C-alpha atoms as a PDB file:
ATOM      1  CA  MET A   1     124.463 141.170 101.017  1.00  0.00           C
ATOM      2  CA  SER A   2     123.844 137.658  99.784  1.00  0.00           C
ATOM      3  CA  LYS A   3     120.698 136.600  97.991  1.00  0.00           C
ATOM      4  CA  THR A   4     118.949 133.381  98.986  1.00  0.00           C
ATOM      5  CA  LYS A   5     118.220 131.225  95.982  1.00  0.00           C
ATOM      6  CA  ALA A   6     114.847 129.480  96.018  1.00  0.00           C
ATOM      7  CA  SER A   7     115.021 125.727  95.891  1.00  0.00           C
ATOM      8  CA  GLU A   8     114.854 124.303  92.408  1.00  0.00           C
ATOM      9  CA  PRO A   9     111.391 123.054  91.424  1.00  0.00           C
ATOM     10  CA  SER A  10     111.205 119.304  91.284  1.00  0.00           C
ATOM     11  CA  ARG A  11     109.364 116.819  89.179  1.00  0.00           C
ATOM     12  CA  GLY A  12     105.767 116.318  90.310  1.00  0.00           C
ATOM     13  CA  ALA A  13     102.651 114.339  89.486  1.00  0.00           C
ATOM     14  CA  TYR A  14      99.555 116.344  88.617  1.00  0.00           C
ATOM     15  CA  ARG A  15      95.844 115.858  87.995  1.00  0.00           C
ATOM     16  CA  ILE A  16      94.160 118.638  86.026  1.00  0.00           C
ATOM     17  CA  GLN A  17      90.414 118.708  85.364  1.00  0.00           C
ATOM     18  CA  VAL A  18      88.958 120.836  82.576  1.00  0.00           C
ATOM     19  CA  GLU A  19      85.468 121.457  81.293  1.00  0.00           C
ATOM     20  CA  GLY A  20      84.878 119.968  77.854  1.00  0.00           C
ATOM     21  CA  SER A  21      86.282 117.131  75.786  1.00  0.00           C
ATOM     22  CA  LEU A  22      89.863 116.727  74.682  1.00  0.00           C
ATOM     23  CA  ASP A  23      91.094 113.999  72.373  1.00  0.00           C
ATOM     24  CA  PRO A  24      93.894 111.772  73.750  1.00  0.00           C
ATOM     25  CA  SER A  25      95.983 112.671  70.673  1.00  0.00           C
ATOM     26  CA  TRP A  26      96.794 115.968  72.468  1.00  0.00           C
ATOM     27  CA  SER A  27      98.882 114.105  75.067  1.00  0.00           C
ATOM     28  CA  ASP A  28     102.234 114.918  73.425  1.00  0.00           C
ATOM     29  CA  ARG A  29     101.377 118.631  73.273  1.00  0.00           C
ATOM     30  CA  LEU A  30     100.320 118.527  76.933  1.00  0.00           C
ATOM     31  CA  GLY A  31     103.507 117.237  78.520  1.00  0.00           C
ATOM     32  CA  GLY A  32     102.729 113.564  77.904  1.00  0.00           C
ATOM     33  CA  LEU A  33      99.859 113.602  80.418  1.00  0.00           C
ATOM     34  CA  ALA A  34      97.272 110.820  80.131  1.00  0.00           C
ATOM     35  CA  ILE A  35      93.925 112.221  78.923  1.00  0.00           C
ATOM     36  CA  THR A  36      90.580 110.763  79.986  1.00  0.00           C
ATOM     37  CA  SER A  37      87.255 112.332  78.978  1.00  0.00           C
ATOM     38  CA  ARG A  38      84.157 111.736  81.062  1.00  0.00           C
ATOM     39  CA  GLY A  39      80.542 112.544  80.356  1.00  0.00           C
ATOM     40  CA  GLN A  40      77.372 111.453  78.653  1.00  0.00           C
ATOM     41  CA  VAL A  41      75.406 112.739  75.699  1.00  0.00           C
ATOM     42  CA  GLY A  42      73.523 115.875  76.749  1.00  0.00           C
ATOM     43  CA  VAL A  43      75.538 116.215  79.964  1.00  0.00           C
ATOM     44  CA  ARG A  44      78.544 118.462  80.576  1.00  0.00           C
ATOM     45  CA  ASN A  45      81.776 116.679  79.666  1.00  0.00           C
ATOM     46  CA  THR A  46      84.947 116.894  81.699  1.00  0.00           C
ATOM     47  CA  THR A  47      88.460 115.826  80.844  1.00  0.00           C
ATOM     48  CA  VAL A  48      91.103 114.738  83.334  1.00  0.00           C
ATOM     49  CA  LEU A  49      94.826 114.984  82.550  1.00  0.00           C
ATOM     50  CA  GLU A  50      97.158 113.006  84.804  1.00  0.00           C
ATOM     51  CA  GLY A  51     100.856 112.316  84.958  1.00  0.00           C
ATOM     52  CA  GLU A  52     104.276 113.656  85.849  1.00  0.00           C
ATOM     53  CA  LEU A  53     105.654 116.994  84.740  1.00  0.00           C
ATOM     54  CA  ALA A  54     109.294 118.064  84.966  1.00  0.00           C
ATOM     55  CA  ASP A  55     108.722 121.321  86.856  1.00  0.00           C
ATOM     56  CA  GLN A  56     106.498 124.373  87.318  1.00  0.00           C
ATOM     57  CA  SER A  57     107.415 125.646  83.839  1.00  0.00           C
ATOM     58  CA  ALA A  58     106.051 122.445  82.308  1.00  0.00           C
ATOM     59  CA  LEU A  59     102.859 122.833  84.353  1.00  0.00           C
ATOM     60  CA  MET A  60     102.465 126.427  83.128  1.00  0.00           C
ATOM     61  CA  GLY A  61     102.989 125.242  79.555  1.00  0.00           C
ATOM     62  CA  VAL A  62     100.129 122.740  79.936  1.00  0.00           C
ATOM     63  CA  LEU A  63      97.854 125.344  81.532  1.00  0.00           C
ATOM     64  CA  ASN A  64      98.661 127.880  78.782  1.00  0.00           C
ATOM     65  CA  THR A  65      97.837 125.311  76.091  1.00  0.00           C
ATOM     66  CA  LEU A  66      94.500 124.514  77.777  1.00  0.00           C
ATOM     67  CA  HIS A  67      93.782 128.266  77.876  1.00  0.00           C
ATOM     68  CA  GLU A  68      94.584 128.596  74.164  1.00  0.00           C
ATOM     69  CA  LEU A  69      92.158 125.707  73.492  1.00  0.00           C
ATOM     70  CA  HIS A  70      89.445 127.596  75.443  1.00  0.00           C
ATOM     71  CA  LEU A  71      89.034 124.732  77.919  1.00  0.00           C
ATOM     72  CA  PRO A  72      88.093 126.137  81.354  1.00  0.00           C
ATOM     73  CA  VAL A  73      90.283 124.666  84.112  1.00  0.00           C
ATOM     74  CA  GLU A  74      88.148 123.350  86.986  1.00  0.00           C
ATOM     75  CA  ALA A  75      90.881 121.981  89.278  1.00  0.00           C
ATOM     76  CA  VAL A  76      94.633 121.473  89.516  1.00  0.00           C
ATOM     77  CA  GLU A  77      96.009 118.967  92.015  1.00  0.00           C
ATOM     78  CA  ARG A  78      99.551 117.968  92.787  1.00  0.00           C
ATOM     79  CA  VAL A  79      99.352 114.300  93.714  1.00  0.00           C
ATOM     80  CA  SER A  80     101.666 111.960  95.563  1.00  0.00           C
ATOM     81  CA  ALA A  81     101.450 108.187  95.933  1.00  0.00           C
ATOM     82  CA  ASP A  82     102.411 108.584  99.617  1.00  0.00           C
ATOM     83  CA  ALA A  83      99.497 110.837 100.609  1.00  0.00           C
ATOM     84  CA  PRO A  84      95.965 109.571 101.384  1.00  0.00           C
ATOM     85  CA  ASP A  85      93.952 109.300  98.154  1.00  0.00           C
ATOM     86  CA  GLY A  86      97.079 110.479  96.337  1.00  0.00           C
ATOM     87  CA  VAL A  87      96.385 114.184  97.003  1.00  0.00           C
ATOM     88  CA  LEU A  88      99.284 116.302  98.221  1.00  0.00           C
ATOM     89  CA  HIS A  89      97.970 119.763  97.389  1.00  0.00           C
ATOM     90  CA  GLN A  90      94.795 120.979  95.756  1.00  0.00           C
ATOM     91  CA  SER A  91      93.853 124.362  94.395  1.00  0.00           C
ATOM     92  CA  SER A  92      91.114 125.670  92.157  1.00  0.00           C
ATOM     93  CA  PRO A  93      91.601 128.552  89.737  1.00  0.00           C
END
Protein backbone atom coordinates (compact mmCIF):
# COMPACT_ATOMS: atom_id res chain seq x y z
CA MET A 1 0.00 0.00 0.00
CA SER A 2 1.46 3.33 -1.01
CA LYS A 3 1.00 6.50 0.98
CA THR A 4 0.07 9.72 -0.80
CA LYS A 5 2.34 12.56 0.21
CA ALA A 6 0.63 15.91 0.70
CA SER A 7 1.88 18.65 -1.55
CA GLU A 8 4.64 20.72 -0.05
CA PRO A 9 3.46 24.02 1.44
CA SER A 10 4.49 26.98 -0.63
CA ARG A 11 5.49 30.51 0.11
CA GLY A 12 2.51 32.79 0.73
CA ALA A 13 1.64 36.38 1.52
CA TYR A 14 -0.30 36.99 4.72
CA ARG A 15 -2.11 39.77 6.54
CA ILE A 16 -2.57 39.22 10.28
CA GLN A 17 -4.53 41.62 12.48
CA VAL A 18 -4.08 41.63 16.25
CA GLU A 19 -5.60 43.63 19.07
CA GLY A 20 -3.11 45.99 20.70
CA SER A 21 0.06 47.79 19.70
CA LEU A 22 3.26 46.20 18.53
CA ASP A 23 6.46 48.09 17.84
CA PRO A 24 7.91 47.70 14.31
CA SER A 25 11.20 46.54 15.89
CA TRP A 26 9.52 43.11 16.32
CA SER A 27 9.54 42.57 12.54
CA ASP A 28 12.64 40.34 12.56
CA ARG A 29 11.16 38.12 15.28
CA LEU A 30 7.90 37.89 13.31
CA GLY A 31 9.19 36.51 10.03
CA GLY A 32 10.15 39.90 8.59
CA LEU A 33 6.50 40.97 8.29
CA ALA A 34 5.81 44.71 8.01
CA ILE A 35 4.12 46.01 11.18
CA THR A 36 1.62 48.87 11.15
CA SER A 37 -0.25 49.97 14.29
CA ARG A 38 -3.56 51.77 14.00
CA GLY A 39 -5.61 53.55 16.61
CA GLN A 40 -6.14 56.74 18.54
CA VAL A 41 -5.66 57.73 22.15
CA GLY A 42 -8.50 56.26 24.21
CA VAL A 43 -9.59 53.95 21.38
CA ARG A 44 -8.71 50.28 20.94
CA ASN A 45 -5.48 49.88 18.98
CA THR A 46 -4.94 47.26 16.31
CA THR A 47 -1.77 46.14 14.61
CA VAL A 48 -1.54 44.70 11.11
CA LEU A 49 1.35 42.45 10.05
CA GLU A 50 1.80 41.93 6.31
CA GLY A 51 4.27 40.16 4.09
CA GLU A 52 5.47 36.84 2.74
CA LEU A 53 6.21 33.78 4.83
CA ALA A 54 8.10 30.70 3.64
CA ASP A 55 5.48 28.12 4.62
CA GLN A 56 2.86 27.07 7.18
CA SER A 57 5.57 26.45 9.79
CA ALA A 58 6.68 30.08 9.50
CA LEU A 59 3.05 31.21 9.87
CA MET A 60 2.67 29.07 13.01
CA GLY A 61 5.88 30.56 14.39
CA VAL A 62 4.46 34.08 13.96
CA LEU A 63 1.13 33.10 15.53
CA ASN A 64 2.90 31.42 18.48
CA THR A 65 5.00 34.54 19.08
CA LEU A 66 1.87 36.73 19.04
CA HIS A 67 0.29 34.33 21.55
CA GLU A 68 3.36 34.55 23.81
CA LEU A 69 3.08 38.37 23.63
CA HIS A 70 -0.58 38.11 24.74
CA LEU A 71 -1.81 39.87 21.60
CA PRO A 72 -5.25 38.50 20.63
CA VAL A 73 -5.39 37.56 16.93
CA GLU A 74 -8.45 39.11 15.25
CA ALA A 75 -7.93 37.88 11.67
CA VAL A 76 -5.54 35.91 9.48
CA GLU A 77 -5.73 36.31 5.71
CA ARG A 78 -3.72 34.70 2.97
CA VAL A 79 -3.48 37.33 0.25
CA SER A 80 -2.65 37.20 -3.43
CA ALA A 81 -2.00 40.07 -5.83
CA ASP A 82 -4.11 38.23 -8.45
CA ALA A 83 -7.33 38.06 -6.40
CA PRO A 84 -9.80 40.97 -6.03
CA ASP A 85 -8.72 43.23 -3.16
CA GLY A 86 -5.75 40.91 -2.70
CA VAL A 87 -7.70 38.38 -0.60
CA LEU A 88 -7.29 34.71 -1.46
CA HIS A 89 -8.51 33.13 1.76
CA GLN A 90 -9.74 34.57 5.03
CA SER A 91 -10.32 32.96 8.38
CA SER A 92 -10.86 34.23 11.89
CA PRO A 93 -9.63 32.39 14.98
